[in-house]
Amino acid sequence: MPVRALEDVPQGLAADPVAGPFIRPELARTAELARDLAHLGGPDWRTGLEPLPATVAYADRIAACARDWPAGYVAHHYTRYLGDLSGGQIIRGTAEKTWGFARKGDGVRFYVFEAIGNPAAFKRDYRELLDGLPLDDLEKQRVIDECKRAFALNSAVFRELGNAFPLTA
């Protein structure tokens, strides 16, 4: 749901001078996530699936920012996608080794950004866009605070998932 909230943005946000430059098709993850879930849960993986409360709260916050505060949307966008392009690659590698997934294959496709040829250059360009946002110091601090909130919301999702689906030895 948080990924869908980032990608199903309100009409007009793509033209917004703050959020628009960040809405990039090469970052889209919804299809890859669905493919991974079908691999892990089978063709009926959606059956009986209900989002956990932390997931709903996270998606709702992203949607509210996308609707009402473009700079807040950028905070969530940054936290999600640059996290997936950076630390997400460590998660992908660990999952491949731990569970025997094919390198960059089914089960870890969420972390594979095939349309981004040079992730380091992409992240550098992304950060330059961030640095160039037309925000005053107060708004910059609000965005930083929203990044922290996004991280906390994401952490809450992982905690709830860990409680709902504990690892077994």
N, C-alpha and C. Protein backbone atom coordinates (compact mmCIF):
# COMPACT_ATOMS: atom_id res chain seq x y z
N MET A 1 0.80 -1.21 0.00
CA MET A 1 0.00 0.00 0.00
C MET A 1 0.84 1.27 0.00
N PRO A 2 1.92 1.38 0.77
CA PRO A 2 2.72 2.60 0.69
C PRO A 2 3.29 2.83 -0.71
N VAL A 3 3.73 1.77 -1.37
CA VAL A 3 4.27 1.93 -2.72
C VAL A 3 3.17 2.40 -3.66
N ARG A 4 2.01 1.81 -3.55
CA ARG A 4 0.89 2.23 -4.40
C ARG A 4 0.52 3.69 -4.11
N ALA A 5 0.56 4.09 -2.84
CA ALA A 5 0.25 5.48 -2.49
C ALA A 5 1.26 6.44 -3.13
N LEU A 6 2.51 6.03 -3.22
CA LEU A 6 3.52 6.86 -3.87
C LEU A 6 3.30 6.93 -5.38
N GLU A 7 2.83 5.85 -5.96
CA GLU A 7 2.73 5.77 -7.41
C GLU A 7 1.37 6.17 -7.97
N ASP A 8 0.32 6.05 -7.19
CA ASP A 8 -1.02 6.47 -7.63
C ASP A 8 -1.27 7.89 -7.14
N VAL A 9 -0.50 8.82 -7.65
CA VAL A 9 -0.54 10.20 -7.16
C VAL A 9 -1.73 10.95 -7.77
N PRO A 10 -2.21 11.96 -7.04
CA PRO A 10 -3.32 12.75 -7.57
C PRO A 10 -2.93 13.42 -8.90
N GLN A 11 -3.93 13.54 -9.76
CA GLN A 11 -3.68 14.20 -11.04
C GLN A 11 -3.17 15.62 -10.76
N GLY A 12 -2.19 16.04 -11.46
CA GLY A 12 -1.63 17.37 -11.27
C GLY A 12 -0.35 17.38 -10.47
N LEU A 13 -0.12 16.36 -9.64
CA LEU A 13 1.11 16.35 -8.84
C LEU A 13 2.34 16.23 -9.72
N ALA A 14 2.22 15.54 -10.84
CA ALA A 14 3.36 15.40 -11.75
C ALA A 14 3.77 16.75 -12.33
N ALA A 15 2.84 17.70 -12.39
CA ALA A 15 3.14 19.04 -12.90
C ALA A 15 3.56 20.00 -11.80
N ASP A 16 3.50 19.56 -10.55
CA ASP A 16 3.87 20.42 -9.43
C ASP A 16 5.37 20.72 -9.49
N PRO A 17 5.77 21.98 -9.29
CA PRO A 17 7.20 22.31 -9.39
C PRO A 17 8.07 21.67 -8.31
N VAL A 18 7.48 21.29 -7.19
CA VAL A 18 8.25 20.64 -6.12
C VAL A 18 8.27 19.13 -6.32
N ALA A 19 7.10 18.52 -6.44
CA ALA A 19 7.02 17.05 -6.50
C ALA A 19 7.24 16.49 -7.90
N GLY A 20 6.81 17.22 -8.91
CA GLY A 20 6.83 16.72 -10.27
C GLY A 20 8.14 16.12 -10.75
N PRO A 21 9.27 16.79 -10.53
CA PRO A 21 10.54 16.24 -11.03
C PRO A 21 10.92 14.88 -10.42
N PHE A 22 10.31 14.52 -9.31
CA PHE A 22 10.65 13.26 -8.64
C PHE A 22 9.80 12.09 -9.11
N ILE A 23 8.70 12.37 -9.77
CA ILE A 23 7.81 11.31 -10.23
C ILE A 23 8.39 10.76 -11.53
N ARG A 24 9.08 9.63 -11.40
CA ARG A 24 9.85 9.05 -12.49
C ARG A 24 9.40 7.61 -12.73
N PRO A 25 9.04 7.26 -13.96
CA PRO A 25 8.55 5.90 -14.22
C PRO A 25 9.57 4.81 -13.93
N GLU A 26 10.86 5.12 -14.01
CA GLU A 26 11.87 4.09 -13.77
C GLU A 26 11.94 3.66 -12.30
N LEU A 27 11.27 4.40 -11.43
CA LEU A 27 11.23 4.03 -10.01
C LEU A 27 10.02 3.16 -9.66
N ALA A 28 9.06 3.05 -10.55
CA ALA A 28 7.81 2.33 -10.26
C ALA A 28 8.09 0.91 -9.77
N ARG A 29 7.46 0.54 -8.67
CA ARG A 29 7.70 -0.76 -8.03
C ARG A 29 6.46 -1.62 -7.92
N THR A 30 5.28 -1.09 -8.17
CA THR A 30 4.05 -1.83 -7.92
C THR A 30 4.02 -3.16 -8.68
N ALA A 31 4.36 -3.15 -9.96
CA ALA A 31 4.32 -4.38 -10.75
C ALA A 31 5.33 -5.40 -10.24
N GLU A 32 6.52 -4.93 -9.89
CA GLU A 32 7.56 -5.84 -9.39
C GLU A 32 7.16 -6.44 -8.05
N LEU A 33 6.56 -5.63 -7.20
CA LEU A 33 6.10 -6.12 -5.90
C LEU A 33 5.03 -7.20 -6.09
N ALA A 34 4.08 -6.95 -6.99
CA ALA A 34 3.03 -7.95 -7.25
C ALA A 34 3.64 -9.24 -7.80
N ARG A 35 4.63 -9.11 -8.64
CA ARG A 35 5.29 -10.31 -9.19
C ARG A 35 5.99 -11.10 -8.09
N ASP A 36 6.68 -10.40 -7.19
CA ASP A 36 7.34 -11.08 -6.07
C ASP A 36 6.31 -11.78 -5.19
N LEU A 37 5.21 -11.10 -4.90
CA LEU A 37 4.19 -11.69 -4.03
C LEU A 37 3.53 -12.90 -4.69
N ALA A 38 3.35 -12.85 -6.00
CA ALA A 38 2.81 -14.02 -6.71
C ALA A 38 3.79 -15.18 -6.65
N HIS A 39 5.07 -14.88 -6.74
CA HIS A 39 6.09 -15.93 -6.64
C HIS A 39 6.08 -16.55 -5.24
N LEU A 40 5.95 -15.71 -4.24
CA LEU A 40 6.01 -16.19 -2.85
C LEU A 40 4.71 -16.82 -2.38
N GLY A 41 3.58 -16.26 -2.82
CA GLY A 41 2.29 -16.72 -2.30
C GLY A 41 1.42 -17.45 -3.30
N GLY A 42 1.88 -17.58 -4.52
CA GLY A 42 1.08 -18.25 -5.54
C GLY A 42 0.14 -17.30 -6.24
N PRO A 43 -0.57 -17.79 -7.25
CA PRO A 43 -1.42 -16.92 -8.06
C PRO A 43 -2.58 -16.28 -7.28
N ASP A 44 -2.97 -16.88 -6.18
CA ASP A 44 -4.08 -16.34 -5.38
C ASP A 44 -3.57 -15.58 -4.16
N TRP A 45 -2.38 -15.00 -4.23
CA TRP A 45 -1.77 -14.36 -3.07
C TRP A 45 -2.62 -13.24 -2.48
N ARG A 46 -3.46 -12.63 -3.29
CA ARG A 46 -4.29 -11.52 -2.78
C ARG A 46 -5.46 -12.01 -1.93
N THR A 47 -5.86 -13.26 -2.09
CA THR A 47 -7.03 -13.80 -1.40
C THR A 47 -6.83 -13.74 0.12
N GLY A 48 -7.76 -13.09 0.79
CA GLY A 48 -7.74 -13.01 2.24
C GLY A 48 -6.69 -12.08 2.81
N LEU A 49 -6.00 -11.37 1.96
CA LEU A 49 -4.93 -10.48 2.41
C LEU A 49 -5.52 -9.15 2.88
N GLU A 50 -5.23 -8.80 4.11
CA GLU A 50 -5.67 -7.52 4.68
C GLU A 50 -4.44 -6.75 5.14
N PRO A 51 -4.36 -5.47 4.84
CA PRO A 51 -3.20 -4.70 5.29
C PRO A 51 -3.19 -4.55 6.81
N LEU A 52 -2.00 -4.58 7.36
CA LEU A 52 -1.83 -4.36 8.80
C LEU A 52 -2.06 -2.89 9.11
N PRO A 53 -2.44 -2.56 10.35
CA PRO A 53 -2.71 -1.16 10.71
C PRO A 53 -1.55 -0.21 10.40
N ALA A 54 -0.33 -0.62 10.64
CA ALA A 54 0.82 0.25 10.36
C ALA A 54 0.95 0.52 8.86
N THR A 55 0.62 -0.46 8.05
CA THR A 55 0.67 -0.29 6.60
C THR A 55 -0.37 0.72 6.15
N VAL A 56 -1.57 0.62 6.70
CA VAL A 56 -2.64 1.56 6.37
C VAL A 56 -2.24 2.98 6.80
N ALA A 57 -1.69 3.12 8.00
CA ALA A 57 -1.29 4.44 8.50
C ALA A 57 -0.22 5.06 7.60
N TYR A 58 0.74 4.25 7.19
CA TYR A 58 1.82 4.73 6.32
C TYR A 58 1.26 5.18 4.97
N ALA A 59 0.44 4.35 4.35
CA ALA A 59 -0.14 4.69 3.05
C ALA A 59 -1.03 5.92 3.15
N ASP A 60 -1.80 6.02 4.23
CA ASP A 60 -2.66 7.19 4.42
C ASP A 60 -1.85 8.47 4.54
N ARG A 61 -0.72 8.41 5.24
CA ARG A 61 0.12 9.59 5.39
C ARG A 61 0.71 10.02 4.05
N ILE A 62 1.17 9.06 3.26
CA ILE A 62 1.70 9.38 1.93
C ILE A 62 0.62 10.03 1.08
N ALA A 63 -0.57 9.44 1.09
CA ALA A 63 -1.68 9.97 0.29
C ALA A 63 -2.05 11.38 0.72
N ALA A 64 -2.05 11.64 2.03
CA ALA A 64 -2.36 12.98 2.53
C ALA A 64 -1.32 13.99 2.06
N CYS A 65 -0.06 13.60 2.13
CA CYS A 65 1.00 14.51 1.66
C CYS A 65 0.87 14.74 0.16
N ALA A 66 0.62 13.68 -0.60
CA ALA A 66 0.48 13.81 -2.05
C ALA A 66 -0.67 14.76 -2.40
N ARG A 67 -1.70 14.72 -1.60
CA ARG A 67 -2.89 15.54 -1.84
C ARG A 67 -2.69 16.99 -1.38
N ASP A 68 -2.04 17.17 -0.21
CA ASP A 68 -2.05 18.47 0.45
C ASP A 68 -0.69 19.17 0.56
N TRP A 69 0.40 18.44 0.42
CA TRP A 69 1.71 19.02 0.71
C TRP A 69 2.78 18.36 -0.16
N PRO A 70 3.03 18.88 -1.35
CA PRO A 70 3.98 18.25 -2.27
C PRO A 70 5.37 18.02 -1.67
N ALA A 71 5.86 18.94 -0.87
CA ALA A 71 7.19 18.74 -0.27
C ALA A 71 7.18 17.57 0.71
N GLY A 72 6.07 17.36 1.39
CA GLY A 72 5.95 16.19 2.27
C GLY A 72 5.92 14.90 1.47
N TYR A 73 5.26 14.94 0.32
CA TYR A 73 5.27 13.79 -0.58
C TYR A 73 6.71 13.47 -0.99
N VAL A 74 7.49 14.49 -1.31
CA VAL A 74 8.89 14.28 -1.70
C VAL A 74 9.66 13.63 -0.56
N ALA A 75 9.37 13.99 0.68
CA ALA A 75 10.05 13.37 1.82
C ALA A 75 9.81 11.86 1.84
N HIS A 76 8.58 11.45 1.59
CA HIS A 76 8.26 10.01 1.56
C HIS A 76 8.88 9.34 0.33
N HIS A 77 8.83 10.02 -0.78
CA HIS A 77 9.41 9.51 -2.02
C HIS A 77 10.90 9.26 -1.83
N TYR A 78 11.59 10.24 -1.28
CA TYR A 78 13.03 10.12 -1.02
C TYR A 78 13.33 8.95 -0.09
N THR A 79 12.60 8.89 1.01
CA THR A 79 12.85 7.84 2.01
C THR A 79 12.64 6.45 1.41
N ARG A 80 11.59 6.29 0.63
CA ARG A 80 11.29 4.98 0.04
C ARG A 80 12.28 4.60 -1.05
N TYR A 81 12.36 5.43 -2.08
CA TYR A 81 13.09 5.02 -3.27
C TYR A 81 14.61 5.07 -3.10
N LEU A 82 15.13 6.10 -2.46
CA LEU A 82 16.58 6.08 -2.26
C LEU A 82 16.98 5.02 -1.25
N GLY A 83 16.08 4.71 -0.33
CA GLY A 83 16.33 3.59 0.57
C GLY A 83 16.39 2.27 -0.19
N ASP A 84 15.48 2.09 -1.14
CA ASP A 84 15.46 0.86 -1.92
C ASP A 84 16.66 0.76 -2.86
N LEU A 85 17.11 1.90 -3.36
CA LEU A 85 18.29 1.90 -4.24
C LEU A 85 19.59 1.74 -3.46
N SER A 86 19.55 1.98 -2.18
CA SER A 86 20.77 1.87 -1.36
C SER A 86 20.67 0.63 -0.47
N GLY A 87 20.14 0.78 0.73
CA GLY A 87 20.04 -0.34 1.66
C GLY A 87 19.20 -1.48 1.14
N GLY A 88 18.26 -1.19 0.26
CA GLY A 88 17.44 -2.24 -0.33
C GLY A 88 18.26 -3.25 -1.10
N GLN A 89 19.39 -2.82 -1.61
CA GLN A 89 20.26 -3.74 -2.35
C GLN A 89 20.91 -4.75 -1.40
N ILE A 90 21.16 -4.32 -0.19
CA ILE A 90 21.69 -5.24 0.84
C ILE A 90 20.60 -6.24 1.21
N ILE A 91 19.38 -5.76 1.37
CA ILE A 91 18.25 -6.65 1.67
C ILE A 91 18.10 -7.67 0.55
N ARG A 92 18.16 -7.21 -0.70
CA ARG A 92 18.03 -8.12 -1.84
C ARG A 92 19.10 -9.20 -1.79
N GLY A 93 20.35 -8.80 -1.60
CA GLY A 93 21.45 -9.78 -1.56
C GLY A 93 21.30 -10.77 -0.42
N THR A 94 20.87 -10.29 0.73
CA THR A 94 20.67 -11.17 1.88
C THR A 94 19.54 -12.17 1.60
N ALA A 95 18.45 -11.69 1.01
CA ALA A 95 17.33 -12.58 0.68
C ALA A 95 17.75 -13.63 -0.35
N GLU A 96 18.54 -13.22 -1.32
CA GLU A 96 19.02 -14.18 -2.33
C GLU A 96 19.83 -15.30 -1.68
N LYS A 97 20.71 -14.91 -0.77
CA LYS A 97 21.57 -15.90 -0.11
C LYS A 97 20.79 -16.74 0.89
N THR A 98 19.96 -16.09 1.69
CA THR A 98 19.25 -16.78 2.77
C THR A 98 18.20 -17.74 2.24
N TRP A 99 17.42 -17.30 1.26
CA TRP A 99 16.30 -18.12 0.79
C TRP A 99 16.53 -18.72 -0.59
N GLY A 100 17.70 -18.52 -1.16
CA GLY A 100 18.03 -19.15 -2.43
C GLY A 100 17.34 -18.57 -3.64
N PHE A 101 16.92 -17.32 -3.58
CA PHE A 101 16.32 -16.69 -4.75
C PHE A 101 17.40 -16.50 -5.82
N ALA A 102 16.99 -16.60 -7.08
CA ALA A 102 17.91 -16.31 -8.18
C ALA A 102 18.35 -14.85 -8.09
N ARG A 103 19.58 -14.59 -8.45
CA ARG A 103 20.09 -13.21 -8.42
C ARG A 103 19.19 -12.30 -9.26
N LYS A 104 18.64 -11.31 -8.60
CA LYS A 104 17.74 -10.33 -9.21
C LYS A 104 16.50 -10.98 -9.84
N GLY A 105 16.11 -12.14 -9.31
CA GLY A 105 14.99 -12.88 -9.88
C GLY A 105 13.72 -12.78 -9.05
N ASP A 106 12.81 -13.70 -9.32
CA ASP A 106 11.53 -13.72 -8.61
C ASP A 106 11.77 -13.83 -7.10
N GLY A 107 11.02 -13.03 -6.37
CA GLY A 107 11.14 -12.97 -4.92
C GLY A 107 11.88 -11.74 -4.45
N VAL A 108 12.73 -11.17 -5.33
CA VAL A 108 13.49 -9.97 -4.97
C VAL A 108 13.42 -8.89 -6.07
N ARG A 109 12.49 -9.04 -6.98
CA ARG A 109 12.40 -8.09 -8.09
C ARG A 109 12.06 -6.67 -7.62
N PHE A 110 11.41 -6.57 -6.47
CA PHE A 110 11.09 -5.25 -5.92
C PHE A 110 12.34 -4.39 -5.82
N TYR A 111 13.47 -5.00 -5.56
CA TYR A 111 14.73 -4.28 -5.37
C TYR A 111 15.57 -4.18 -6.63
N VAL A 112 15.04 -4.61 -7.76
CA VAL A 112 15.78 -4.58 -9.03
C VAL A 112 15.22 -3.43 -9.88
N PHE A 113 16.06 -2.45 -10.14
CA PHE A 113 15.67 -1.27 -10.91
C PHE A 113 16.29 -1.38 -12.30
N GLU A 114 15.68 -2.19 -13.16
CA GLU A 114 16.26 -2.46 -14.47
C GLU A 114 16.35 -1.22 -15.35
N ALA A 115 15.45 -0.26 -15.16
CA ALA A 115 15.44 0.93 -16.00
C ALA A 115 16.46 1.98 -15.55
N ILE A 116 17.18 1.69 -14.48
CA ILE A 116 18.20 2.61 -13.99
C ILE A 116 19.56 1.96 -14.25
N GLY A 117 20.22 2.41 -15.30
CA GLY A 117 21.48 1.80 -15.70
C GLY A 117 22.62 2.05 -14.73
N ASN A 118 22.65 3.22 -14.13
CA ASN A 118 23.73 3.59 -13.22
C ASN A 118 23.11 4.12 -11.92
N PRO A 119 22.87 3.24 -10.95
CA PRO A 119 22.23 3.68 -9.71
C PRO A 119 22.98 4.80 -8.98
N ALA A 120 24.30 4.76 -8.99
CA ALA A 120 25.07 5.81 -8.30
C ALA A 120 24.81 7.17 -8.94
N ALA A 121 24.82 7.23 -10.27
CA ALA A 121 24.55 8.49 -10.96
C ALA A 121 23.10 8.93 -10.74
N PHE A 122 22.18 7.98 -10.75
CA PHE A 122 20.78 8.30 -10.52
C PHE A 122 20.60 8.93 -9.14
N LYS A 123 21.21 8.31 -8.12
CA LYS A 123 21.09 8.83 -6.74
C LYS A 123 21.73 10.21 -6.64
N ARG A 124 22.83 10.41 -7.32
CA ARG A 124 23.50 11.72 -7.31
C ARG A 124 22.58 12.78 -7.93
N ASP A 125 21.98 12.46 -9.09
CA ASP A 125 21.06 13.39 -9.74
C ASP A 125 19.84 13.66 -8.87
N TYR A 126 19.34 12.63 -8.21
CA TYR A 126 18.18 12.76 -7.33
C TYR A 126 18.51 13.73 -6.19
N ARG A 127 19.67 13.56 -5.59
CA ARG A 127 20.07 14.45 -4.49
C ARG A 127 20.25 15.89 -4.97
N GLU A 128 20.73 16.06 -6.20
CA GLU A 128 20.84 17.41 -6.76
C GLU A 128 19.45 18.04 -6.91
N LEU A 129 18.47 17.24 -7.33
CA LEU A 129 17.09 17.74 -7.39
C LEU A 129 16.62 18.17 -6.00
N LEU A 130 16.91 17.34 -5.00
CA LEU A 130 16.53 17.68 -3.63
C LEU A 130 17.16 18.99 -3.19
N ASP A 131 18.46 19.10 -3.44
CA ASP A 131 19.18 20.30 -3.03
C ASP A 131 18.66 21.55 -3.73
N GLY A 132 18.09 21.38 -4.92
CA GLY A 132 17.60 22.52 -5.67
C GLY A 132 16.15 22.88 -5.43
N LEU A 133 15.49 22.17 -4.52
CA LEU A 133 14.08 22.48 -4.26
C LEU A 133 13.93 23.92 -3.76
N PRO A 134 12.91 24.62 -4.24
CA PRO A 134 12.69 26.01 -3.83
C PRO A 134 11.99 26.10 -2.47
N LEU A 135 12.73 25.73 -1.42
CA LEU A 135 12.16 25.71 -0.07
C LEU A 135 12.94 26.64 0.84
N ASP A 136 12.22 27.37 1.70
CA ASP A 136 12.91 28.18 2.69
C ASP A 136 13.37 27.28 3.85
N ASP A 137 14.10 27.85 4.78
CA ASP A 137 14.68 27.05 5.87
C ASP A 137 13.62 26.36 6.71
N LEU A 138 12.51 27.03 6.97
CA LEU A 138 11.44 26.42 7.76
C LEU A 138 10.85 25.21 7.03
N GLU A 139 10.61 25.37 5.74
CA GLU A 139 10.04 24.26 4.96
C GLU A 139 11.05 23.11 4.84
N LYS A 140 12.32 23.44 4.71
CA LYS A 140 13.34 22.38 4.68
C LYS A 140 13.31 21.57 5.97
N GLN A 141 13.14 22.25 7.09
CA GLN A 141 13.08 21.53 8.37
C GLN A 141 11.83 20.67 8.46
N ARG A 142 10.72 21.17 7.94
CA ARG A 142 9.49 20.37 7.90
C ARG A 142 9.69 19.10 7.06
N VAL A 143 10.40 19.24 5.94
CA VAL A 143 10.67 18.08 5.08
C VAL A 143 11.56 17.08 5.81
N ILE A 144 12.58 17.57 6.49
CA ILE A 144 13.45 16.68 7.28
C ILE A 144 12.63 15.94 8.33
N ASP A 145 11.76 16.67 9.01
CA ASP A 145 10.90 16.03 10.02
C ASP A 145 9.98 14.98 9.38
N GLU A 146 9.50 15.27 8.17
CA GLU A 146 8.64 14.30 7.49
C GLU A 146 9.44 13.07 7.05
N CYS A 147 10.70 13.26 6.68
CA CYS A 147 11.56 12.11 6.37
C CYS A 147 11.70 11.21 7.60
N LYS A 148 11.88 11.83 8.74
CA LYS A 148 11.97 11.05 9.99
C LYS A 148 10.65 10.32 10.26
N ARG A 149 9.55 11.00 9.99
CA ARG A 149 8.23 10.37 10.17
C ARG A 149 8.07 9.19 9.21
N ALA A 150 8.50 9.37 7.96
CA ALA A 150 8.42 8.29 6.98
C ALA A 150 9.23 7.08 7.44
N PHE A 151 10.41 7.34 7.95
CA PHE A 151 11.26 6.25 8.44
C PHE A 151 10.58 5.53 9.61
N ALA A 152 9.98 6.31 10.52
CA ALA A 152 9.28 5.71 11.66
C ALA A 152 8.07 4.89 11.20
N LEU A 153 7.33 5.40 10.23
CA LEU A 153 6.18 4.66 9.71
C LEU A 153 6.63 3.36 9.03
N ASN A 154 7.70 3.43 8.28
CA ASN A 154 8.25 2.24 7.62
C ASN A 154 8.73 1.23 8.66
N SER A 155 9.38 1.70 9.70
CA SER A 155 9.84 0.81 10.78
C SER A 155 8.67 0.13 11.47
N ALA A 156 7.58 0.87 11.66
CA ALA A 156 6.39 0.28 12.28
C ALA A 156 5.81 -0.83 11.41
N VAL A 157 5.85 -0.65 10.10
CA VAL A 157 5.38 -1.71 9.19
C VAL A 157 6.23 -2.96 9.37
N PHE A 158 7.54 -2.80 9.42
CA PHE A 158 8.42 -3.96 9.60
C PHE A 158 8.19 -4.64 10.94
N ARG A 159 7.96 -3.85 11.99
CA ARG A 159 7.67 -4.44 13.30
C ARG A 159 6.39 -5.27 13.25
N GLU A 160 5.33 -4.70 12.68
CA GLU A 160 4.07 -5.44 12.60
C GLU A 160 4.19 -6.68 11.72
N LEU A 161 4.93 -6.58 10.63
CA LEU A 161 5.14 -7.76 9.79
C LEU A 161 5.90 -8.83 10.55
N GLY A 162 6.91 -8.42 11.31
CA GLY A 162 7.68 -9.37 12.12
C GLY A 162 6.83 -10.06 13.17
N ASN A 163 5.90 -9.32 13.76
CA ASN A 163 5.01 -9.91 14.75
C ASN A 163 3.98 -10.84 14.10
N ALA A 164 3.49 -10.45 12.93
CA ALA A 164 2.48 -11.26 12.24
C ALA A 164 3.08 -12.50 11.58
N PHE A 165 4.33 -12.38 11.14
CA PHE A 165 4.99 -13.48 10.43
C PHE A 165 6.38 -13.71 11.01
N PRO A 166 6.44 -14.26 12.22
CA PRO A 166 7.75 -14.45 12.86
C PRO A 166 8.61 -15.45 12.08
N LEU A 167 9.91 -15.20 12.10
CA LEU A 167 10.85 -16.13 11.46
C LEU A 167 10.87 -17.43 12.24
N THR A 168 10.99 -18.51 11.53
CA THR A 168 11.09 -19.82 12.18
C THR A 168 12.48 -20.38 11.92
N ALA A 169 12.96 -21.15 12.88
CA ALA A 169 14.31 -21.72 12.74
C ALA A 169 14.29 -22.93 11.84
